[in-house]
Structure formats: structure tokens, C-alpha cells
Full PDB file with SEQRES, HELIX, SHEET, SSBOND, CRYST1, ORIGX, SCALE, CONECT and MASTER records, all heavy atoms in Angstrom:
SEQRES   1 A   36  ARG GLU HIS CYS LEU LEU GLY GLN GLY TYR LEU CYS LEU          
SEQRES   2 A   36  GLY SER VAL THR PHE GLY ARG CYS GLY ALA SER CYS PRO          
SEQRES   3 A   36  PRO LYS ASN ASN ILE PRO CYS HIS GLY CYS                      
HELIX    1 AA1 LEU A   13  VAL A   16  5                                   4    
HELIX    2 AA2 SER A   24  LYS A   28  3                                   5    
HELIX    3 AA3 ASN A   29  ASN A   29  1                                   1    
CRYST1    1.000    1.000    1.000  90.00  90.00  90.00 P 1           1          
ORIGX1      1.000000  0.000000  0.000000        0.00000                         
ORIGX2      0.000000  1.000000  0.000000        0.00000                         
ORIGX3      0.000000  0.000000  1.000000        0.00000                         
SCALE1      1.000000  0.000000  0.000000        0.00000                         
SCALE2      0.000000  1.000000  0.000000        0.00000                         
SCALE3      0.000000  0.000000  1.000000        0.00000                         
ATOM      1  N   ARG A   1      -8.091   3.099   7.936  1.00  0.00           N  
ATOM      2  CA  ARG A   1      -8.262   3.272   6.491  1.00  0.00           C  
ATOM      3  C   ARG A   1      -7.863   4.656   5.987  1.00  0.00           C  
ATOM      4  O   ARG A   1      -7.730   4.860   4.794  1.00  0.00           O  
ATOM      5  CB  ARG A   1      -9.698   2.975   6.076  1.00  0.00           C  
ATOM      6  CG  ARG A   1     -10.040   1.516   6.151  1.00  0.00           C  
ATOM      7  CD  ARG A   1     -11.420   1.252   5.548  1.00  0.00           C  
ATOM      8  NE  ARG A   1     -11.634  -0.162   5.372  1.00  0.00           N  
ATOM      9  CZ  ARG A   1     -11.282  -0.845   4.287  1.00  0.00           C  
ATOM     10  NH1 ARG A   1     -10.673  -0.253   3.302  1.00  0.00           N  
ATOM     11  NH2 ARG A   1     -11.544  -2.130   4.199  1.00  0.00           N  
ATOM     12  N   GLU A   2      -7.683   5.605   6.880  1.00  0.00           N  
ATOM     13  CA  GLU A   2      -7.382   6.979   6.463  1.00  0.00           C  
ATOM     14  C   GLU A   2      -5.885   7.274   6.361  1.00  0.00           C  
ATOM     15  O   GLU A   2      -5.472   8.137   5.606  1.00  0.00           O  
ATOM     16  CB  GLU A   2      -8.005   7.977   7.455  1.00  0.00           C  
ATOM     17  CG  GLU A   2      -9.515   7.871   7.568  1.00  0.00           C  
ATOM     18  CD  GLU A   2     -10.211   8.306   6.295  1.00  0.00           C  
ATOM     19  OE1 GLU A   2      -9.811   9.336   5.711  1.00  0.00           O  
ATOM     20  OE2 GLU A   2     -11.152   7.594   5.869  1.00  0.00           O  
ATOM     21  N   HIS A   3      -5.076   6.579   7.153  1.00  0.00           N  
ATOM     22  CA  HIS A   3      -3.655   6.914   7.258  1.00  0.00           C  
ATOM     23  C   HIS A   3      -2.743   5.883   6.593  1.00  0.00           C  
ATOM     24  O   HIS A   3      -3.104   4.720   6.450  1.00  0.00           O  
ATOM     25  CB  HIS A   3      -3.273   7.098   8.727  1.00  0.00           C  
ATOM     26  CG  HIS A   3      -3.960   8.267   9.342  1.00  0.00           C  
ATOM     27  ND1 HIS A   3      -5.175   8.150   9.979  1.00  0.00           N  
ATOM     28  CD2 HIS A   3      -3.638   9.570   9.371  1.00  0.00           C  
ATOM     29  CE1 HIS A   3      -5.560   9.343  10.383  1.00  0.00           C  
ATOM     30  NE2 HIS A   3      -4.640  10.223  10.033  1.00  0.00           N  
ATOM     31  N   CYS A   4      -1.573   6.329   6.231  1.00  0.00           N  
ATOM     32  CA  CYS A   4      -0.557   5.516   5.561  1.00  0.00           C  
ATOM     33  C   CYS A   4      -0.292   4.223   6.331  1.00  0.00           C  
ATOM     34  O   CYS A   4      -0.064   4.241   7.541  1.00  0.00           O  
ATOM     35  CB  CYS A   4       0.723   6.345   5.459  1.00  0.00           C  
ATOM     36  SG  CYS A   4       2.147   5.446   4.861  1.00  0.00           S  
ATOM     37  N   LEU A   5      -0.353   3.112   5.615  1.00  0.00           N  
ATOM     38  CA  LEU A   5      -0.118   1.812   6.246  1.00  0.00           C  
ATOM     39  C   LEU A   5       1.300   1.696   6.773  1.00  0.00           C  
ATOM     40  O   LEU A   5       1.522   1.155   7.859  1.00  0.00           O  
ATOM     41  CB  LEU A   5      -0.409   0.687   5.245  1.00  0.00           C  
ATOM     42  CG  LEU A   5      -1.885   0.497   4.921  1.00  0.00           C  
ATOM     43  CD1 LEU A   5      -2.060  -0.292   3.642  1.00  0.00           C  
ATOM     44  CD2 LEU A   5      -2.591  -0.183   6.074  1.00  0.00           C  
ATOM     45  N   LEU A   6       2.263   2.201   6.023  1.00  0.00           N  
ATOM     46  CA  LEU A   6       3.657   2.154   6.466  1.00  0.00           C  
ATOM     47  C   LEU A   6       3.829   2.952   7.754  1.00  0.00           C  
ATOM     48  O   LEU A   6       4.495   2.516   8.685  1.00  0.00           O  
ATOM     49  CB  LEU A   6       4.584   2.681   5.372  1.00  0.00           C  
ATOM     50  CG  LEU A   6       6.076   2.552   5.627  1.00  0.00           C  
ATOM     51  CD1 LEU A   6       6.475   1.096   5.812  1.00  0.00           C  
ATOM     52  CD2 LEU A   6       6.853   3.168   4.475  1.00  0.00           C  
ATOM     53  N   GLY A   7       3.189   4.093   7.831  1.00  0.00           N  
ATOM     54  CA  GLY A   7       3.240   4.926   9.025  1.00  0.00           C  
ATOM     55  C   GLY A   7       2.606   4.253  10.237  1.00  0.00           C  
ATOM     56  O   GLY A   7       2.973   4.525  11.374  1.00  0.00           O  
ATOM     57  N   GLN A   8       1.643   3.356   9.974  1.00  0.00           N  
ATOM     58  CA  GLN A   8       0.995   2.619  11.064  1.00  0.00           C  
ATOM     59  C   GLN A   8       1.818   1.409  11.509  1.00  0.00           C  
ATOM     60  O   GLN A   8       1.456   0.734  12.457  1.00  0.00           O  
ATOM     61  CB  GLN A   8      -0.389   2.131  10.617  1.00  0.00           C  
ATOM     62  CG  GLN A   8      -1.373   3.245  10.360  1.00  0.00           C  
ATOM     63  CD  GLN A   8      -2.707   2.690   9.907  1.00  0.00           C  
ATOM     64  OE1 GLN A   8      -3.350   1.917  10.640  1.00  0.00           O  
ATOM     65  NE2 GLN A   8      -3.130   3.061   8.713  1.00  0.00           N  
ATOM     66  N   GLY A   9       2.902   1.133  10.779  1.00  0.00           N  
ATOM     67  CA  GLY A   9       3.770   0.026  11.159  1.00  0.00           C  
ATOM     68  C   GLY A   9       3.647  -1.189  10.261  1.00  0.00           C  
ATOM     69  O   GLY A   9       4.402  -2.138  10.399  1.00  0.00           O  
ATOM     70  N   TYR A  10       2.674  -1.180   9.350  1.00  0.00           N  
ATOM     71  CA  TYR A  10       2.515  -2.313   8.433  1.00  0.00           C  
ATOM     72  C   TYR A  10       3.505  -2.150   7.282  1.00  0.00           C  
ATOM     73  O   TYR A  10       3.650  -1.067   6.733  1.00  0.00           O  
ATOM     74  CB  TYR A  10       1.084  -2.377   7.904  1.00  0.00           C  
ATOM     75  CG  TYR A  10       0.084  -2.630   9.001  1.00  0.00           C  
ATOM     76  CD1 TYR A  10      -0.621  -1.582   9.575  1.00  0.00           C  
ATOM     77  CD2 TYR A  10      -0.122  -3.918   9.479  1.00  0.00           C  
ATOM     78  CE1 TYR A  10      -1.525  -1.810  10.604  1.00  0.00           C  
ATOM     79  CE2 TYR A  10      -1.016  -4.150  10.510  1.00  0.00           C  
ATOM     80  CZ  TYR A  10      -1.715  -3.091  11.071  1.00  0.00           C  
ATOM     81  OH  TYR A  10      -2.594  -3.317  12.086  1.00  0.00           O  
ATOM     82  N   LEU A  11       4.178  -3.215   6.916  1.00  0.00           N  
ATOM     83  CA  LEU A  11       5.183  -3.138   5.874  1.00  0.00           C  
ATOM     84  C   LEU A  11       4.501  -3.048   4.509  1.00  0.00           C  
ATOM     85  O   LEU A  11       4.159  -4.034   3.885  1.00  0.00           O  
ATOM     86  CB  LEU A  11       6.113  -4.351   5.922  1.00  0.00           C  
ATOM     87  CG  LEU A  11       7.314  -4.256   5.004  1.00  0.00           C  
ATOM     88  CD1 LEU A  11       8.157  -3.031   5.338  1.00  0.00           C  
ATOM     89  CD2 LEU A  11       8.146  -5.501   5.101  1.00  0.00           C  
ATOM     90  N   CYS A  12       4.297  -1.837   4.070  1.00  0.00           N  
ATOM     91  CA  CYS A  12       3.672  -1.551   2.784  1.00  0.00           C  
ATOM     92  C   CYS A  12       4.790  -1.169   1.821  1.00  0.00           C  
ATOM     93  O   CYS A  12       5.515  -0.208   2.053  1.00  0.00           O  
ATOM     94  CB  CYS A  12       2.663  -0.417   2.930  1.00  0.00           C  
ATOM     95  SG  CYS A  12       1.784  -0.045   1.415  1.00  0.00           S  
ATOM     96  N   LEU A  13       4.956  -1.921   0.741  1.00  0.00           N  
ATOM     97  CA  LEU A  13       6.034  -1.684  -0.213  1.00  0.00           C  
ATOM     98  C   LEU A  13       5.642  -0.686  -1.301  1.00  0.00           C  
ATOM     99  O   LEU A  13       6.318  -0.569  -2.312  1.00  0.00           O  
ATOM    100  CB  LEU A  13       6.477  -3.004  -0.848  1.00  0.00           C  
ATOM    101  CG  LEU A  13       6.987  -4.072   0.110  1.00  0.00           C  
ATOM    102  CD1 LEU A  13       7.396  -5.321  -0.646  1.00  0.00           C  
ATOM    103  CD2 LEU A  13       8.143  -3.561   0.943  1.00  0.00           C  
ATOM    104  N   GLY A  14       4.551   0.047  -1.095  1.00  0.00           N  
ATOM    105  CA  GLY A  14       4.070   0.996  -2.096  1.00  0.00           C  
ATOM    106  C   GLY A  14       5.066   2.065  -2.495  1.00  0.00           C  
ATOM    107  O   GLY A  14       5.098   2.494  -3.645  1.00  0.00           O  
ATOM    108  N   SER A  15       5.902   2.493  -1.581  1.00  0.00           N  
ATOM    109  CA  SER A  15       6.856   3.562  -1.904  1.00  0.00           C  
ATOM    110  C   SER A  15       8.029   3.068  -2.733  1.00  0.00           C  
ATOM    111  O   SER A  15       8.751   3.858  -3.318  1.00  0.00           O  
ATOM    112  CB  SER A  15       7.363   4.226  -0.620  1.00  0.00           C  
ATOM    113  OG  SER A  15       8.125   3.321   0.135  1.00  0.00           O  
ATOM    114  N   VAL A  16       8.217   1.750  -2.818  1.00  0.00           N  
ATOM    115  CA  VAL A  16       9.332   1.196  -3.591  1.00  0.00           C  
ATOM    116  C   VAL A  16       8.847   0.259  -4.706  1.00  0.00           C  
ATOM    117  O   VAL A  16       9.568  -0.611  -5.155  1.00  0.00           O  
ATOM    118  CB  VAL A  16      10.353   0.465  -2.675  1.00  0.00           C  
ATOM    119  CG1 VAL A  16      11.004   1.430  -1.721  1.00  0.00           C  
ATOM    120  CG2 VAL A  16       9.699  -0.681  -1.935  1.00  0.00           C  
ATOM    121  N   THR A  17       7.599   0.466  -5.161  1.00  0.00           N  
ATOM    122  CA  THR A  17       6.999  -0.396  -6.176  1.00  0.00           C  
ATOM    123  C   THR A  17       6.385   0.436  -7.297  1.00  0.00           C  
ATOM    124  O   THR A  17       5.721   1.437  -7.031  1.00  0.00           O  
ATOM    125  CB  THR A  17       5.903  -1.280  -5.536  1.00  0.00           C  
ATOM    126  OG1 THR A  17       6.485  -2.038  -4.484  1.00  0.00           O  
ATOM    127  CG2 THR A  17       5.271  -2.212  -6.535  1.00  0.00           C  
ATOM    128  N   PHE A  18       6.588   0.006  -8.552  1.00  0.00           N  
ATOM    129  CA  PHE A  18       5.975   0.666  -9.707  1.00  0.00           C  
ATOM    130  C   PHE A  18       4.476   0.785  -9.506  1.00  0.00           C  
ATOM    131  O   PHE A  18       3.821  -0.166  -9.108  1.00  0.00           O  
ATOM    132  CB  PHE A  18       6.190  -0.160 -10.981  1.00  0.00           C  
ATOM    133  CG  PHE A  18       7.320   0.312 -11.835  1.00  0.00           C  
ATOM    134  CD1 PHE A  18       8.242  -0.597 -12.301  1.00  0.00           C  
ATOM    135  CD2 PHE A  18       7.450   1.636 -12.210  1.00  0.00           C  
ATOM    136  CE1 PHE A  18       9.291  -0.197 -13.111  1.00  0.00           C  
ATOM    137  CE2 PHE A  18       8.490   2.050 -13.011  1.00  0.00           C  
ATOM    138  CZ  PHE A  18       9.411   1.127 -13.462  1.00  0.00           C  
ATOM    139  N   GLY A  19       3.925   1.931  -9.827  1.00  0.00           N  
ATOM    140  CA  GLY A  19       2.499   2.176  -9.662  1.00  0.00           C  
ATOM    141  C   GLY A  19       1.700   1.965 -10.925  1.00  0.00           C  
ATOM    142  O   GLY A  19       1.195   2.903 -11.500  1.00  0.00           O  
ATOM    143  N   ARG A  20       1.557   0.748 -11.369  1.00  0.00           N  
ATOM    144  CA  ARG A  20       0.759   0.455 -12.559  1.00  0.00           C  
ATOM    145  C   ARG A  20      -0.563  -0.188 -12.207  1.00  0.00           C  
ATOM    146  O   ARG A  20      -1.299  -0.615 -13.078  1.00  0.00           O  
ATOM    147  CB  ARG A  20       1.533  -0.482 -13.484  1.00  0.00           C  
ATOM    148  CG  ARG A  20       2.821   0.127 -13.990  1.00  0.00           C  
ATOM    149  CD  ARG A  20       3.574  -0.866 -14.821  1.00  0.00           C  
ATOM    150  NE  ARG A  20       4.312  -1.755 -13.928  1.00  0.00           N  
ATOM    151  CZ  ARG A  20       5.275  -2.562 -14.314  1.00  0.00           C  
ATOM    152  NH1 ARG A  20       5.610  -2.623 -15.576  1.00  0.00           N  
ATOM    153  NH2 ARG A  20       5.902  -3.319 -13.462  1.00  0.00           N  
ATOM    154  N   CYS A  21      -0.886  -0.267 -10.941  1.00  0.00           N  
ATOM    155  CA  CYS A  21      -2.062  -1.020 -10.507  1.00  0.00           C  
ATOM    156  C   CYS A  21      -3.208  -0.130 -10.035  1.00  0.00           C  
ATOM    157  O   CYS A  21      -4.266  -0.634  -9.678  1.00  0.00           O  
ATOM    158  CB  CYS A  21      -1.662  -1.965  -9.385  1.00  0.00           C  
ATOM    159  SG  CYS A  21      -0.999  -1.099  -7.952  1.00  0.00           S  
ATOM    160  N   GLY A  22      -2.986   1.168  -9.988  1.00  0.00           N  
ATOM    161  CA  GLY A  22      -4.022   2.055  -9.464  1.00  0.00           C  
ATOM    162  C   GLY A  22      -4.120   1.986  -7.954  1.00  0.00           C  
ATOM    163  O   GLY A  22      -5.120   2.378  -7.373  1.00  0.00           O  
ATOM    164  N   ALA A  23      -3.084   1.481  -7.321  1.00  0.00           N  
ATOM    165  CA  ALA A  23      -3.021   1.355  -5.852  1.00  0.00           C  
ATOM    166  C   ALA A  23      -4.256   0.642  -5.314  1.00  0.00           C  
ATOM    167  O   ALA A  23      -4.884   1.073  -4.360  1.00  0.00           O  
ATOM    168  CB  ALA A  23      -2.847   2.724  -5.206  1.00  0.00           C  
ATOM    169  N   SER A  24      -4.606  -0.471  -5.924  1.00  0.00           N  
ATOM    170  CA  SER A  24      -5.841  -1.164  -5.539  1.00  0.00           C  
ATOM    171  C   SER A  24      -5.773  -1.813  -4.160  1.00  0.00           C  
ATOM    172  O   SER A  24      -6.794  -1.941  -3.502  1.00  0.00           O  
ATOM    173  CB  SER A  24      -6.212  -2.202  -6.588  1.00  0.00           C  
ATOM    174  OG  SER A  24      -5.184  -3.137  -6.751  1.00  0.00           O  
ATOM    175  N   CYS A  25      -4.612  -2.230  -3.708  1.00  0.00           N  
ATOM    176  CA  CYS A  25      -4.531  -2.899  -2.401  1.00  0.00           C  
ATOM    177  C   CYS A  25      -4.635  -1.943  -1.210  1.00  0.00           C  
ATOM    178  O   CYS A  25      -5.530  -2.082  -0.388  1.00  0.00           O  
ATOM    179  CB  CYS A  25      -3.258  -3.730  -2.300  1.00  0.00           C  
ATOM    180  SG  CYS A  25      -3.221  -5.101  -3.456  1.00  0.00           S  
ATOM    181  N   PRO A  26      -3.733  -0.958  -1.085  1.00  0.00           N  
ATOM    182  CA  PRO A  26      -3.752  -0.142   0.138  1.00  0.00           C  
ATOM    183  C   PRO A  26      -5.043   0.638   0.382  1.00  0.00           C  
ATOM    184  O   PRO A  26      -5.680   0.440   1.406  1.00  0.00           O  
ATOM    185  CB  PRO A  26      -2.554   0.790  -0.026  1.00  0.00           C  
ATOM    186  CG  PRO A  26      -1.659   0.101  -0.988  1.00  0.00           C  
ATOM    187  CD  PRO A  26      -2.567  -0.665  -1.906  1.00  0.00           C  
ATOM    188  N   PRO A  27      -5.485   1.498  -0.529  1.00  0.00           N  
ATOM    189  CA  PRO A  27      -6.650   2.310  -0.175  1.00  0.00           C  
ATOM    190  C   PRO A  27      -7.978   1.566  -0.257  1.00  0.00           C  
ATOM    191  O   PRO A  27      -8.836   1.732   0.592  1.00  0.00           O  
ATOM    192  CB  PRO A  27      -6.616   3.460  -1.169  1.00  0.00           C  
ATOM    193  CG  PRO A  27      -5.793   3.020  -2.301  1.00  0.00           C  
ATOM    194  CD  PRO A  27      -4.888   1.933  -1.780  1.00  0.00           C  
ATOM    195  N   LYS A  28      -8.150   0.739  -1.259  1.00  0.00           N  
ATOM    196  CA  LYS A  28      -9.459   0.116  -1.483  1.00  0.00           C  
ATOM    197  C   LYS A  28      -9.686  -1.133  -0.647  1.00  0.00           C  
ATOM    198  O   LYS A  28     -10.787  -1.413  -0.215  1.00  0.00           O  
ATOM    199  CB  LYS A  28      -9.628  -0.209  -2.967  1.00  0.00           C  
ATOM    200  CG  LYS A  28      -9.623   1.040  -3.828  1.00  0.00           C  
ATOM    201  CD  LYS A  28      -9.687   0.705  -5.297  1.00  0.00           C  
ATOM    202  CE  LYS A  28      -9.524   1.983  -6.097  1.00  0.00           C  
ATOM    203  NZ  LYS A  28      -8.423   1.962  -7.016  1.00  0.00           N  
ATOM    204  N   ASN A  29      -8.634  -1.904  -0.415  1.00  0.00           N  
ATOM    205  CA  ASN A  29      -8.785  -3.178   0.280  1.00  0.00           C  
ATOM    206  C   ASN A  29      -8.123  -3.222   1.651  1.00  0.00           C  
ATOM    207  O   ASN A  29      -8.139  -4.254   2.309  1.00  0.00           O  
ATOM    208  CB  ASN A  29      -8.246  -4.312  -0.597  1.00  0.00           C  
ATOM    209  CG  ASN A  29      -9.046  -4.449  -1.875  1.00  0.00           C  
ATOM    210  OD1 ASN A  29     -10.265  -4.572  -1.833  1.00  0.00           O  
ATOM    211  ND2 ASN A  29      -8.380  -4.386  -3.012  1.00  0.00           N  
ATOM    212  N   ASN A  30      -7.504  -2.116   2.057  1.00  0.00           N  
ATOM    213  CA  ASN A  30      -6.868  -2.004   3.371  1.00  0.00           C  
ATOM    214  C   ASN A  30      -5.779  -3.055   3.587  1.00  0.00           C  
ATOM    215  O   ASN A  30      -5.621  -3.591   4.674  1.00  0.00           O  
ATOM    216  CB  ASN A  30      -7.908  -2.056   4.491  1.00  0.00           C  
ATOM    217  CG  ASN A  30      -7.491  -1.265   5.707  1.00  0.00           C  
ATOM    218  OD1 ASN A  30      -6.678  -0.352   5.627  1.00  0.00           O  
ATOM    219  ND2 ASN A  30      -8.067  -1.594   6.846  1.00  0.00           N  
ATOM    220  N   ILE A  31      -5.052  -3.364   2.500  1.00  0.00           N  
ATOM    221  CA  ILE A  31      -3.991  -4.357   2.527  1.00  0.00           C  
ATOM    222  C   ILE A  31      -2.689  -3.677   2.119  1.00  0.00           C  
ATOM    223  O   ILE A  31      -2.650  -2.987   1.109  1.00  0.00           O  
ATOM    224  CB  ILE A  31      -4.289  -5.507   1.538  1.00  0.00           C  
ATOM    225  CG1 ILE A  31      -5.590  -6.205   1.907  1.00  0.00           C  
ATOM    226  CG2 ILE A  31      -3.131  -6.488   1.494  1.00  0.00           C  
ATOM    227  CD1 ILE A  31      -6.068  -7.171   0.858  1.00  0.00           C  
ATOM    228  N   PRO A  32      -1.599  -3.864   2.864  1.00  0.00           N  
ATOM    229  CA  PRO A  32      -0.314  -3.281   2.470  1.00  0.00           C  
ATOM    230  C   PRO A  32       0.132  -3.786   1.099  1.00  0.00           C  
ATOM    231  O   PRO A  32      -0.135  -4.930   0.736  1.00  0.00           O  
ATOM    232  CB  PRO A  32       0.654  -3.756   3.558  1.00  0.00           C  
ATOM    233  CG  PRO A  32      -0.212  -4.104   4.722  1.00  0.00           C  
ATOM    234  CD  PRO A  32      -1.501  -4.590   4.137  1.00  0.00           C  
ATOM    235  N   CYS A  33       0.792  -2.943   0.347  1.00  0.00           N  
ATOM    236  CA  CYS A  33       1.302  -3.305  -0.976  1.00  0.00           C  
ATOM    237  C   CYS A  33       2.345  -4.412  -0.831  1.00  0.00           C  
ATOM    238  O   CYS A  33       3.236  -4.341   0.009  1.00  0.00           O  
ATOM    239  CB  CYS A  33       1.927  -2.072  -1.633  1.00  0.00           C  
ATOM    240  SG  CYS A  33       2.742  -2.399  -3.195  1.00  0.00           S  
ATOM    241  N   HIS A  34       2.239  -5.434  -1.679  1.00  0.00           N  
ATOM    242  CA  HIS A  34       3.175  -6.560  -1.667  1.00  0.00           C  
ATOM    243  C   HIS A  34       4.356  -6.339  -2.599  1.00  0.00           C  
ATOM    244  O   HIS A  34       5.275  -7.132  -2.624  1.00  0.00           O  
ATOM    245  CB  HIS A  34       2.481  -7.844  -2.115  1.00  0.00           C  
ATOM    246  CG  HIS A  34       1.381  -8.286  -1.226  1.00  0.00           C  
ATOM    247  ND1 HIS A  34       1.586  -8.793   0.030  1.00  0.00           N  
ATOM    248  CD2 HIS A  34       0.045  -8.291  -1.412  1.00  0.00           C  
ATOM    249  CE1 HIS A  34       0.430  -9.100   0.576  1.00  0.00           C  
ATOM    250  NE2 HIS A  34      -0.525  -8.818  -0.275  1.00  0.00           N  
ATOM    251  N   GLY A  35       4.305  -5.319  -3.439  1.00  0.00           N  
ATOM    252  CA  GLY A  35       5.391  -5.065  -4.375  1.00  0.00           C  
ATOM    253  C   GLY A  35       5.275  -5.854  -5.664  1.00  0.00           C  
ATOM    254  O   GLY A  35       6.277  -6.148  -6.309  1.00  0.00           O  
ATOM    255  N   CYS A  36       4.062  -6.200  -6.079  1.00  0.00           N  
ATOM    256  CA  CYS A  36       3.843  -7.050  -7.261  1.00  0.00           C  
ATOM    257  C   CYS A  36       4.493  -6.506  -8.533  1.00  0.00           C  
ATOM    258  O   CYS A  36       4.981  -7.275  -9.350  1.00  0.00           O  
ATOM    259  CB  CYS A  36       2.353  -7.213  -7.540  1.00  0.00           C  
ATOM    260  SG  CYS A  36       1.440  -7.967  -6.204  1.00  0.00           S  
TER     261      CYS A  36                                                      
MASTER        0    0    0    3    0    0    0    6  260    1    0    3          
END                                                                             
């Protein structure tokens, strides 16, 4: 929960997705960003 999901090997699309959601998936729910 402390380190970047992409860095851990999980395909997190957070770096290529508009940030209008408050990043609710990666930090709060421990789920990689889907790119919604």
C-alpha cells in the first residue's frame, strides 16, 4: 500500500490518465488505475 503500483509490476494506468477522480483507486482501494 505504500509504493507505486506500476513500480510493483501491476499495470496501473494512472500516469497516462486524466486525474479528475482524486486517485480513488490506487491509494485508497489498493487497485491499479483502469484509465476511466
